[in-house]
Amino acid sequence: MKLDLTTIILTYNEEIHIRRALENVCPLSQKVIVVDSPSTDRTQEICREFDNVEVVVHAYPGNQAEQFNWALDHCAIDTEWVLRLDADEYLYPELVVELEEKLPQLPKSVSALSLSRARCFMGRRLRHGIVNSVRLVRLFRKGMARSEQRLMDEQIAVLGGEVVEMEHQFVDDNRLPIGAFVRKHDNYASREAALLLCKEYGLGADSVTQGASLSKAGGAKRSQKDLYARMPLFWRALAYFVYRYVVKLGFLDGKEGFCWDFFQGLWYRMLVDCKVYEAKKACGSDAEKIKEYLLAHYNIKV
């Protein structure tokens, strides 16, 4: 059953994931728009195998937020609803059924839906730690939401109306080899370090469209990150790992659970803090030097 829905997927070299994502959402969507950066692998070739997929090539502007907002502004979206999905994500069958039942019946007062995200890592569905506690606005009425302008961890902000929580989940199931995962997260760490430095030095690296606001769950998630940012460097990464792996029982997910909490909860957070520390050591309290440092070392302009 196709819904009155357009799905937008941003891609760059996603041949390992894109077929799975399209097979999942094409039967549900009137149209799927793949905004490619462009890729140098078979991503576009695979996309063109699907009748209701439109491939739009647009040079990557440096972050997901700008690319997604560009898609909202420039791509032909003719449906009432828009779904934002990453290439390594897909909807569980229970969520598909829930959307088929509920989406056509929602009153006009509802502008967006909040979806719970599950996590798979190294081929295993993780069920412990903090993997099932994240809720994100990913589905909204056309014209009623925008992405925050943010280097990392951007969320979709809603331009008024009610946000309704769906019961069932979509899943982030990245199948990259661990080496590629590490290289990708090194880039993420540079952007997250830039965000933290900009916040500390008052450089303003993020913004929300006027009149838009995060959902209740999104606001709570952002408040937690702001609290984490105020904790001491390095110690916070260690505390975060202990919280995820021990307090929240991440160890019950076996070897895959350990690898997830170690690489994403300790190694990654330590890497972010090392980059923050390195920049502050080089620049001291000079905000202009921080701006120059971010541009020179990470090609990030603020």
C-alpha atoms as a PDB file:
ATOM      1  CA  MET A   1       0.000   0.000   0.000  1.00  0.00           C
ATOM      2  CA  LYS A   2       1.540   3.310  -1.079  1.00  0.00           C
ATOM      3  CA  LEU A   3       0.983   6.230   1.266  1.00  0.00           C
ATOM      4  CA  ASP A   4       0.791   9.922   0.366  1.00  0.00           C
ATOM      5  CA  LEU A   5       4.487  10.017   1.151  1.00  0.00           C
ATOM      6  CA  THR A   6       7.832  11.093  -0.334  1.00  0.00           C
ATOM      7  CA  THR A   7      10.976   9.593   1.198  1.00  0.00           C
ATOM      8  CA  ILE A   8      14.253  11.550   1.015  1.00  0.00           C
ATOM      9  CA  ILE A   9      17.561   9.688   1.362  1.00  0.00           C
ATOM     10  CA  LEU A  10      20.943  11.462   1.312  1.00  0.00           C
ATOM     11  CA  THR A  11      23.760   9.334  -0.090  1.00  0.00           C
ATOM     12  CA  TYR A  12      27.471   9.196  -0.753  1.00  0.00           C
ATOM     13  CA  ASN A  13      28.996   5.833  -1.738  1.00  0.00           C
ATOM     14  CA  GLU A  14      26.208   3.786  -0.169  1.00  0.00           C
ATOM     15  CA  GLU A  15      26.144   0.756  -2.489  1.00  0.00           C
ATOM     16  CA  ILE A  16      26.474  -1.506   0.566  1.00  0.00           C
ATOM     17  CA  HIS A  17      23.192  -0.169   2.018  1.00  0.00           C
ATOM     18  CA  ILE A  18      21.040   1.545  -0.592  1.00  0.00           C
ATOM     19  CA  ARG A  19      19.304  -1.476  -2.140  1.00  0.00           C
ATOM     20  CA  ARG A  20      18.085  -2.648   1.273  1.00  0.00           C
ATOM     21  CA  ALA A  21      16.749   0.841   2.085  1.00  0.00           C
ATOM     22  CA  LEU A  22      14.944   1.201  -1.250  1.00  0.00           C
ATOM     23  CA  GLU A  23      13.402  -2.266  -1.100  1.00  0.00           C
ATOM     24  CA  ASN A  24      12.056  -1.232   2.307  1.00  0.00           C
ATOM     25  CA  VAL A  25      10.541   2.187   1.492  1.00  0.00           C
ATOM     26  CA  CYS A  26       9.680   2.037  -2.224  1.00  0.00           C
ATOM     27  CA  PRO A  27       6.529  -0.082  -1.669  1.00  0.00           C
ATOM     28  CA  LEU A  28       5.381   2.454   0.932  1.00  0.00           C
ATOM     29  CA  SER A  29       6.236   5.728  -0.847  1.00  0.00           C
ATOM     30  CA  GLN A  30       4.763   7.497  -3.865  1.00  0.00           C
ATOM     31  CA  LYS A  31       8.289   8.688  -4.618  1.00  0.00           C
ATOM     32  CA  VAL A  32      11.760   8.217  -3.180  1.00  0.00           C
ATOM     33  CA  ILE A  33      14.224  11.052  -3.800  1.00  0.00           C
ATOM     34  CA  VAL A  34      17.879  10.080  -3.458  1.00  0.00           C
ATOM     35  CA  VAL A  35      20.083  13.161  -3.143  1.00  0.00           C
ATOM     36  CA  ASP A  36      23.570  11.986  -4.081  1.00  0.00           C
ATOM     37  CA  SER A  37      26.735  13.964  -3.330  1.00  0.00           C
ATOM     38  CA  PRO A  38      27.768  12.463  -5.934  1.00  0.00           C
ATOM     39  CA  SER A  39      28.928   8.907  -5.291  1.00  0.00           C
ATOM     40  CA  THR A  40      31.823   7.209  -7.085  1.00  0.00           C
ATOM     41  CA  ASP A  41      30.514   3.663  -6.503  1.00  0.00           C
ATOM     42  CA  ARG A  42      27.331   1.935  -7.794  1.00  0.00           C
ATOM     43  CA  THR A  43      24.880   3.907  -5.627  1.00  0.00           C
ATOM     44  CA  GLN A  44      23.214   5.737  -8.534  1.00  0.00           C
ATOM     45  CA  GLU A  45      23.182   2.632 -10.719  1.00  0.00           C
ATOM     46  CA  ILE A  46      21.325   0.661  -8.041  1.00  0.00           C
ATOM     47  CA  CYS A  47      18.850   3.503  -7.469  1.00  0.00           C
ATOM     48  CA  ARG A  48      17.873   3.556 -11.132  1.00  0.00           C
ATOM     49  CA  GLU A  49      16.667  -0.043 -10.902  1.00  0.00           C
ATOM     50  CA  PHE A  50      13.612   1.182  -8.956  1.00  0.00           C
ATOM     51  CA  ASP A  51      10.707   2.754 -10.848  1.00  0.00           C
ATOM     52  CA  ASN A  52       9.663   5.296  -8.216  1.00  0.00           C
ATOM     53  CA  VAL A  53      13.175   6.496  -7.299  1.00  0.00           C
ATOM     54  CA  GLU A  54      14.438   9.863  -8.525  1.00  0.00           C
ATOM     55  CA  VAL A  55      18.186  10.504  -8.273  1.00  0.00           C
ATOM     56  CA  VAL A  56      19.168  14.148  -7.786  1.00  0.00           C
ATOM     57  CA  VAL A  57      22.881  14.998  -7.808  1.00  0.00           C
ATOM     58  CA  HIS A  58      23.925  17.887  -5.598  1.00  0.00           C
ATOM     59  CA  ALA A  59      27.440  18.672  -4.377  1.00  0.00           C
ATOM     60  CA  TYR A  60      27.753  18.067  -0.641  1.00  0.00           C
ATOM     61  CA  PRO A  61      27.691  21.427   1.198  1.00  0.00           C
ATOM     62  CA  GLY A  62      29.643  20.114   4.192  1.00  0.00           C
ATOM     63  CA  ASN A  63      26.892  18.818   6.471  1.00  0.00           C
ATOM     64  CA  GLN A  64      23.697  16.772   6.345  1.00  0.00           C
ATOM     65  CA  ALA A  65      21.488  19.624   7.570  1.00  0.00           C
ATOM     66  CA  GLU A  66      22.204  21.902   4.593  1.00  0.00           C
ATOM     67  CA  GLN A  67      21.877  19.022   2.139  1.00  0.00           C
ATOM     68  CA  PHE A  68      18.488  17.981   3.522  1.00  0.00           C
ATOM     69  CA  ASN A  69      17.118  21.532   3.594  1.00  0.00           C
ATOM     70  CA  TRP A  70      18.335  21.986   0.017  1.00  0.00           C
ATOM     71  CA  ALA A  71      16.339  18.895  -0.956  1.00  0.00           C
ATOM     72  CA  LEU A  72      13.212  20.285   0.718  1.00  0.00           C
ATOM     73  CA  ASP A  73      13.609  23.564  -1.173  1.00  0.00           C
ATOM     74  CA  HIS A  74      14.602  22.293  -4.626  1.00  0.00           C
ATOM     75  CA  CYS A  75      13.220  18.791  -5.177  1.00  0.00           C
ATOM     76  CA  ALA A  76       9.715  18.121  -6.508  1.00  0.00           C
ATOM     77  CA  ILE A  77       7.712  16.924  -3.508  1.00  0.00           C
ATOM     78  CA  ASP A  78       4.061  16.424  -4.432  1.00  0.00           C
ATOM     79  CA  THR A  79       2.865  14.426  -1.422  1.00  0.00           C
ATOM     80  CA  GLU A  80       1.414  15.507   1.904  1.00  0.00           C
ATOM     81  CA  TRP A  81       4.018  13.703   4.007  1.00  0.00           C
ATOM     82  CA  VAL A  82       7.833  13.556   3.898  1.00  0.00           C
ATOM     83  CA  LEU A  83      10.029  10.854   5.455  1.00  0.00           C
ATOM     84  CA  ARG A  84      13.726  11.453   6.134  1.00  0.00           C
ATOM     85  CA  LEU A  85      15.801   8.260   6.133  1.00  0.00           C
ATOM     86  CA  ASP A  86      19.511   7.467   6.002  1.00  0.00           C
ATOM     87  CA  ALA A  87      20.770   4.883   3.534  1.00  0.00           C
ATOM     88  CA  ASP A  88      21.762   2.520   6.357  1.00  0.00           C
ATOM     89  CA  GLU A  89      18.314   2.712   7.987  1.00  0.00           C
ATOM     90  CA  TYR A  90      15.038   0.930   7.326  1.00  0.00           C
ATOM     91  CA  LEU A  91      11.598   0.587   8.882  1.00  0.00           C
ATOM     92  CA  TYR A  92      10.676  -2.535  10.802  1.00  0.00           C
ATOM     93  CA  PRO A  93       7.574  -4.316   9.403  1.00  0.00           C
ATOM     94  CA  GLU A  94       5.579  -3.391  12.521  1.00  0.00           C
ATOM     95  CA  LEU A  95       6.239   0.297  11.891  1.00  0.00           C
ATOM     96  CA  VAL A  96       5.221  -0.048   8.234  1.00  0.00           C
ATOM     97  CA  VAL A  97       1.877  -1.542   9.295  1.00  0.00           C
ATOM     98  CA  GLU A  98       1.421   1.156  11.942  1.00  0.00           C
ATOM     99  CA  LEU A  99       2.041   3.925   9.391  1.00  0.00           C
ATOM    100  CA  GLU A 100      -0.345   2.345   6.880  1.00  0.00           C
ATOM    101  CA  GLU A 101      -3.048   2.250   9.539  1.00  0.00           C
ATOM    102  CA  LYS A 102      -2.501   5.604  11.218  1.00  0.00           C
ATOM    103  CA  LEU A 103      -1.011   8.065   8.730  1.00  0.00           C
ATOM    104  CA  PRO A 104      -4.140   8.531   6.545  1.00  0.00           C
ATOM    105  CA  GLN A 105      -6.266   9.035   9.670  1.00  0.00           C
ATOM    106  CA  LEU A 106      -4.222  11.710  11.435  1.00  0.00           C
ATOM    107  CA  PRO A 107      -5.962  15.064  12.003  1.00  0.00           C
ATOM    108  CA  LYS A 108      -4.581  18.226  10.376  1.00  0.00           C
ATOM    109  CA  SER A 109      -3.409  19.380  13.811  1.00  0.00           C
ATOM    110  CA  VAL A 110      -0.646  16.741  13.648  1.00  0.00           C
ATOM    111  CA  SER A 111       2.430  18.114  11.850  1.00  0.00           C
ATOM    112  CA  ALA A 112       5.012  15.419  12.530  1.00  0.00           C
ATOM    113  CA  LEU A 113       5.682  11.941  13.865  1.00  0.00           C
ATOM    114  CA  SER A 114       8.354  10.952  16.359  1.00  0.00           C
ATOM    115  CA  LEU A 115       9.946   7.559  15.658  1.00  0.00           C
ATOM    116  CA  SER A 116      11.960   5.386  18.028  1.00  0.00           C
ATOM    117  CA  ARG A 117      15.326   4.260  16.629  1.00  0.00           C
ATOM    118  CA  ALA A 118      16.685   0.770  17.194  1.00  0.00           C
ATOM    119  CA  ARG A 119      20.315  -0.197  16.598  1.00  0.00           C
ATOM    120  CA  CYS A 120      22.115  -3.080  14.921  1.00  0.00           C
ATOM    121  CA  PHE A 121      25.897  -3.337  15.035  1.00  0.00           C
ATOM    122  CA  MET A 122      28.181  -5.899  13.424  1.00  0.00           C
ATOM    123  CA  GLY A 123      25.053  -7.750  12.304  1.00  0.00           C
ATOM    124  CA  ARG A 124      23.451  -8.030  15.754  1.00  0.00           C
ATOM    125  CA  ARG A 125      20.328  -6.276  17.037  1.00  0.00           C
ATOM    126  CA  LEU A 126      21.343  -4.530  20.255  1.00  0.00           C
ATOM    127  CA  ARG A 127      18.716  -4.483  22.981  1.00  0.00           C
ATOM    128  CA  HIS A 128      20.504  -3.046  25.996  1.00  0.00           C
ATOM    129  CA  GLY A 129      22.536   0.056  26.857  1.00  0.00           C
ATOM    130  CA  ILE A 130      20.974   3.244  25.503  1.00  0.00           C
ATOM    131  CA  VAL A 131      20.170   2.031  21.990  1.00  0.00           C
ATOM    132  CA  ASN A 132      16.373   2.028  22.337  1.00  0.00           C
ATOM    133  CA  SER A 133      15.939   5.338  24.156  1.00  0.00           C
ATOM    134  CA  VAL A 134      16.369   7.740  21.208  1.00  0.00           C
ATOM    135  CA  ARG A 135      13.293   9.314  19.600  1.00  0.00           C
ATOM    136  CA  LEU A 136      13.569  11.465  16.480  1.00  0.00           C
ATOM    137  CA  VAL A 137      11.169  13.403  14.279  1.00  0.00           C
ATOM    138  CA  ARG A 138      11.640  11.769  10.884  1.00  0.00           C
ATOM    139  CA  LEU A 139       8.212  12.082   9.274  1.00  0.00           C
ATOM    140  CA  PHE A 140       6.331  15.349   8.805  1.00  0.00           C
ATOM    141  CA  ARG A 141       3.829  17.196   6.668  1.00  0.00           C
ATOM    142  CA  LYS A 142       5.349  19.010   3.690  1.00  0.00           C
ATOM    143  CA  GLY A 143       6.312  22.558   4.648  1.00  0.00           C
ATOM    144  CA  MET A 144       5.953  21.923   8.377  1.00  0.00           C
ATOM    145  CA  ALA A 145       9.561  21.087   9.327  1.00  0.00           C
ATOM    146  CA  ARG A 146      13.192  21.958   8.631  1.00  0.00           C
ATOM    147  CA  SER A 147      16.510  20.526   9.713  1.00  0.00           C
ATOM    148  CA  GLU A 148      18.515  22.495  12.247  1.00  0.00           C
ATOM    149  CA  GLN A 149      21.549  24.157  10.680  1.00  0.00           C
ATOM    150  CA  ARG A 150      24.104  22.202  12.663  1.00  0.00           C
ATOM    151  CA  LEU A 151      27.445  20.519  11.936  1.00  0.00           C
ATOM    152  CA  MET A 152      26.560  17.304  13.790  1.00  0.00           C
ATOM    153  CA  ASP A 153      23.642  15.586  15.490  1.00  0.00           C
ATOM    154  CA  GLU A 154      21.140  17.713  13.580  1.00  0.00           C
ATOM    155  CA  GLN A 155      17.466  17.167  14.328  1.00  0.00           C
ATOM    156  CA  ILE A 156      14.310  18.039  12.439  1.00  0.00           C
ATOM    157  CA  ALA A 157      12.557  21.040  13.971  1.00  0.00           C
ATOM    158  CA  VAL A 158       8.796  21.414  13.572  1.00  0.00           C
ATOM    159  CA  LEU A 159       7.062  24.627  12.467  1.00  0.00           C
ATOM    160  CA  GLY A 160       4.074  24.378  14.779  1.00  0.00           C
ATOM    161  CA  GLY A 161       1.412  21.737  15.258  1.00  0.00           C
ATOM    162  CA  GLU A 162       1.371  18.520  17.246  1.00  0.00           C
ATOM    163  CA  VAL A 163       4.056  15.814  17.255  1.00  0.00           C
ATOM    164  CA  VAL A 164       2.692  12.280  17.717  1.00  0.00           C
ATOM    165  CA  GLU A 165       4.830   9.356  18.879  1.00  0.00           C
ATOM    166  CA  MET A 166       4.664   6.102  16.920  1.00  0.00           C
ATOM    167  CA  GLU A 167       4.878   2.865  18.868  1.00  0.00           C
ATOM    168  CA  HIS A 168       7.125   0.823  16.582  1.00  0.00           C
ATOM    169  CA  GLN A 169      10.700   1.381  15.435  1.00  0.00           C
ATOM    170  CA  PHE A 170      13.010   2.019  12.520  1.00  0.00           C
ATOM    171  CA  VAL A 171      16.578   0.722  12.763  1.00  0.00           C
ATOM    172  CA  ASP A 172      20.086   2.010  12.088  1.00  0.00           C
ATOM    173  CA  ASP A 173      21.871  -1.068  10.712  1.00  0.00           C
ATOM    174  CA  ASN A 174      25.254   0.020   9.361  1.00  0.00           C
ATOM    175  CA  ARG A 175      27.166  -2.806   7.688  1.00  0.00           C
ATOM    176  CA  LEU A 176      30.466  -1.000   7.078  1.00  0.00           C
ATOM    177  CA  PRO A 177      33.610  -2.942   8.059  1.00  0.00           C
ATOM    178  CA  ILE A 178      35.063  -1.696  11.342  1.00  0.00           C
ATOM    179  CA  GLY A 179      37.928   0.116   9.587  1.00  0.00           C
ATOM    180  CA  ALA A 180      35.497   2.163   7.517  1.00  0.00           C
ATOM    181  CA  PHE A 181      33.394   2.772  10.636  1.00  0.00           C
ATOM    182  CA  VAL A 182      36.464   4.187  12.418  1.00  0.00           C
ATOM    183  CA  ARG A 183      37.411   6.436   9.482  1.00  0.00           C
ATOM    184  CA  LYS A 184      33.853   7.752   9.232  1.00  0.00           C
ATOM    185  CA  HIS A 185      33.734   8.512  12.957  1.00  0.00           C
ATOM    186  CA  ASP A 186      37.057  10.343  12.800  1.00  0.00           C
ATOM    187  CA  ASN A 187      35.327  12.816  10.477  1.00  0.00           C
ATOM    188  CA  TYR A 188      32.325  12.973  12.801  1.00  0.00           C
ATOM    189  CA  ALA A 189      34.657  13.655  15.734  1.00  0.00           C
ATOM    190  CA  SER A 190      36.151  16.677  13.967  1.00  0.00           C
ATOM    191  CA  ARG A 191      32.705  18.166  13.442  1.00  0.00           C
ATOM    192  CA  GLU A 192      31.552  17.402  16.972  1.00  0.00           C
ATOM    193  CA  ALA A 193      34.736  18.935  18.388  1.00  0.00           C
ATOM    194  CA  ALA A 194      34.058  22.033  16.256  1.00  0.00           C
ATOM    195  CA  LEU A 195      30.533  22.244  17.684  1.00  0.00           C
ATOM    196  CA  LEU A 196      31.802  22.050  21.256  1.00  0.00           C
ATOM    197  CA  LEU A 197      34.490  24.658  20.610  1.00  0.00           C
ATOM    198  CA  CYS A 198      32.042  27.015  18.909  1.00  0.00           C
ATOM    199  CA  LYS A 199      29.659  26.711  21.844  1.00  0.00           C
ATOM    200  CA  GLU A 200      32.433  27.416  24.367  1.00  0.00           C
ATOM    201  CA  TYR A 201      33.889  30.347  22.398  1.00  0.00           C
ATOM    202  CA  GLY A 202      30.521  31.842  21.403  1.00  0.00           C
ATOM    203  CA  LEU A 203      31.006  31.325  17.666  1.00  0.00           C
ATOM    204  CA  GLY A 204      27.459  30.165  16.885  1.00  0.00           C
ATOM    205  CA  ALA A 205      27.810  27.085  14.651  1.00  0.00           C
ATOM    206  CA  ASP A 206      24.161  26.062  14.747  1.00  0.00           C
ATOM    207  CA  SER A 207      20.734  27.617  14.324  1.00  0.00           C
ATOM    208  CA  VAL A 208      17.053  26.711  13.994  1.00  0.00           C
ATOM    209  CA  THR A 209      14.669  28.179  11.400  1.00  0.00           C
ATOM    210  CA  GLN A 210      12.624  30.993  12.927  1.00  0.00           C
ATOM    211  CA  GLY A 211       9.370  29.685  14.354  1.00  0.00           C
ATOM    212  CA  ALA A 212      10.577  26.062  14.443  1.00  0.00           C
ATOM    213  CA  SER A 213      11.240  24.027  17.568  1.00  0.00           C
ATOM    214  CA  LEU A 214      12.460  20.578  18.515  1.00  0.00           C
ATOM    215  CA  SER A 215      10.008  17.972  19.730  1.00  0.00           C
ATOM    216  CA  LYS A 216       9.820  17.280  23.459  1.00  0.00           C
ATOM    217  CA  ALA A 217      12.004  14.190  23.050  1.00  0.00           C
ATOM    218  CA  GLY A 218      14.420  16.093  20.800  1.00  0.00           C
ATOM    219  CA  GLY A 219      14.716  18.923  23.303  1.00  0.00           C
ATOM    220  CA  ALA A 220      15.434  16.462  26.117  1.00  0.00           C
ATOM    221  CA  LYS A 221      18.127  14.789  24.002  1.00  0.00           C
ATOM    222  CA  ARG A 222      19.751  18.153  23.306  1.00  0.00           C
ATOM    223  CA  SER A 223      19.642  19.091  27.015  1.00  0.00           C
ATOM    224  CA  GLN A 224      21.459  15.848  27.843  1.00  0.00           C
ATOM    225  CA  LYS A 225      24.172  16.665  25.320  1.00  0.00           C
ATOM    226  CA  ASP A 226      24.512  20.190  26.737  1.00  0.00           C
ATOM    227  CA  LEU A 227      24.942  18.696  30.213  1.00  0.00           C
ATOM    228  CA  TYR A 228      27.596  16.310  28.885  1.00  0.00           C
ATOM    229  CA  ALA A 229      29.420  19.250  27.254  1.00  0.00           C
ATOM    230  CA  ARG A 230      29.805  20.933  30.653  1.00  0.00           C
ATOM    231  CA  MET A 231      31.530  17.915  32.200  1.00  0.00           C
ATOM    232  CA  PRO A 232      35.371  17.683  32.385  1.00  0.00           C
ATOM    233  CA  LEU A 233      37.246  16.572  29.289  1.00  0.00           C
ATOM    234  CA  PHE A 234      38.180  12.871  29.104  1.00  0.00           C
ATOM    235  CA  TRP A 235      36.500  11.967  32.405  1.00  0.00           C
ATOM    236  CA  ARG A 236      33.114  12.480  30.753  1.00  0.00           C
ATOM    237  CA  ALA A 237      33.929   9.942  28.029  1.00  0.00           C
ATOM    238  CA  LEU A 238      34.896   7.347  30.615  1.00  0.00           C
ATOM    239  CA  ALA A 239      31.775   8.048  32.695  1.00  0.00           C
ATOM    240  CA  TYR A 240      29.602   7.800  29.575  1.00  0.00           C
ATOM    241  CA  PHE A 241      31.044   4.389  28.704  1.00  0.00           C
ATOM    242  CA  VAL A 242      30.479   3.075  32.246  1.00  0.00           C
ATOM    243  CA  TYR A 243      26.910   4.399  32.181  1.00  0.00           C
ATOM    244  CA  ARG A 244      26.119   2.722  28.864  1.00  0.00           C
ATOM    245  CA  TYR A 245      27.974  -0.543  29.342  1.00  0.00           C
ATOM    246  CA  VAL A 246      27.494  -1.183  33.063  1.00  0.00           C
ATOM    247  CA  VAL A 247      24.605   0.879  34.439  1.00  0.00           C
ATOM    248  CA  LYS A 248      22.376   0.441  31.366  1.00  0.00           C
ATOM    249  CA  LEU A 249      23.444  -3.215  30.948  1.00  0.00           C
ATOM    250  CA  GLY A 250      25.127  -2.883  27.562  1.00  0.00           C
ATOM    251  CA  PHE A 251      27.300  -5.883  28.483  1.00  0.00           C
ATOM    252  CA  LEU A 252      24.248  -8.128  27.963  1.00  0.00           C
ATOM    253  CA  ASP A 253      24.612  -7.630  24.195  1.00  0.00           C
ATOM    254  CA  GLY A 254      27.758  -9.751  24.065  1.00  0.00           C
ATOM    255  CA  LYS A 255      30.851  -9.009  21.996  1.00  0.00           C
ATOM    256  CA  GLU A 256      28.933  -6.786  19.571  1.00  0.00           C
ATOM    257  CA  GLY A 257      27.552  -4.776  22.478  1.00  0.00           C
ATOM    258  CA  PHE A 258      31.028  -4.297  23.910  1.00  0.00           C
ATOM    259  CA  CYS A 259      32.411  -3.184  20.545  1.00  0.00           C
ATOM    260  CA  TRP A 260      29.527  -0.731  20.072  1.00  0.00           C
ATOM    261  CA  ASP A 261      29.866   0.846  23.512  1.00  0.00           C
ATOM    262  CA  PHE A 262      33.665   0.900  23.297  1.00  0.00           C
ATOM    263  CA  PHE A 263      33.981   2.447  19.828  1.00  0.00           C
ATOM    264  CA  GLN A 264      30.940   4.723  19.861  1.00  0.00           C
ATOM    265  CA  GLY A 265      30.727   5.420  23.594  1.00  0.00           C
ATOM    266  CA  LEU A 266      34.386   5.587  24.692  1.00  0.00           C
ATOM    267  CA  TRP A 267      36.827   5.726  21.754  1.00  0.00           C
ATOM    268  CA  TYR A 268      34.743   8.212  19.772  1.00  0.00           C
ATOM    269  CA  ARG A 269      34.077  10.472  22.754  1.00  0.00           C
ATOM    270  CA  MET A 270      37.761  10.358  23.734  1.00  0.00           C
ATOM    271  CA  LEU A 271      38.694  11.298  20.171  1.00  0.00           C
ATOM    272  CA  VAL A 272      36.334  14.291  20.288  1.00  0.00           C
ATOM    273  CA  ASP A 273      37.870  15.418  23.585  1.00  0.00           C
ATOM    274  CA  CYS A 274      41.420  14.972  22.236  1.00  0.00           C
ATOM    275  CA  LYS A 275      40.554  17.225  19.288  1.00  0.00           C
ATOM    276  CA  VAL A 276      39.005  19.824  21.607  1.00  0.00           C
ATOM    277  CA  TYR A 277      42.037  19.711  23.893  1.00  0.00           C
ATOM    278  CA  GLU A 278      44.466  19.939  20.963  1.00  0.00           C
ATOM    279  CA  ALA A 279      42.680  23.005  19.561  1.00  0.00           C
ATOM    280  CA  LYS A 280      42.480  24.796  22.915  1.00  0.00           C
ATOM    281  CA  LYS A 281      46.149  24.082  23.599  1.00  0.00           C
ATOM    282  CA  ALA A 282      47.084  25.594  20.232  1.00  0.00           C
ATOM    283  CA  CYS A 283      44.759  28.616  20.389  1.00  0.00           C
ATOM    284  CA  GLY A 284      44.319  29.451  24.055  1.00  0.00           C
ATOM    285  CA  SER A 285      41.318  31.706  24.679  1.00  0.00           C
ATOM    286  CA  ASP A 286      41.450  33.485  21.310  1.00  0.00           C
ATOM    287  CA  ALA A 287      38.168  32.869  19.447  1.00  0.00           C
ATOM    288  CA  GLU A 288      39.575  34.140  16.134  1.00  0.00           C
ATOM    289  CA  LYS A 289      42.420  31.647  16.356  1.00  0.00           C
ATOM    290  CA  ILE A 290      39.886  28.876  16.999  1.00  0.00           C
ATOM    291  CA  LYS A 291      38.048  29.862  13.796  1.00  0.00           C
ATOM    292  CA  GLU A 292      41.320  29.793  11.850  1.00  0.00           C
ATOM    293  CA  TYR A 293      42.270  26.468  13.432  1.00  0.00           C
ATOM    294  CA  LEU A 294      38.970  24.797  12.476  1.00  0.00           C
ATOM    295  CA  LEU A 295      39.291  25.997   8.895  1.00  0.00           C
ATOM    296  CA  ALA A 296      42.943  24.967   8.576  1.00  0.00           C
ATOM    297  CA  HIS A 297      42.716  21.561  10.281  1.00  0.00           C
ATOM    298  CA  TYR A 298      39.168  20.374   9.583  1.00  0.00           C
ATOM    299  CA  ASN A 299      38.037  22.570   6.658  1.00  0.00           C
ATOM    300  CA  ILE A 300      35.153  23.804   8.813  1.00  0.00           C
ATOM    301  CA  LYS A 301      34.189  27.448   8.367  1.00  0.00           C
ATOM    302  CA  VAL A 302      32.261  29.131  11.192  1.00  0.00           C
END
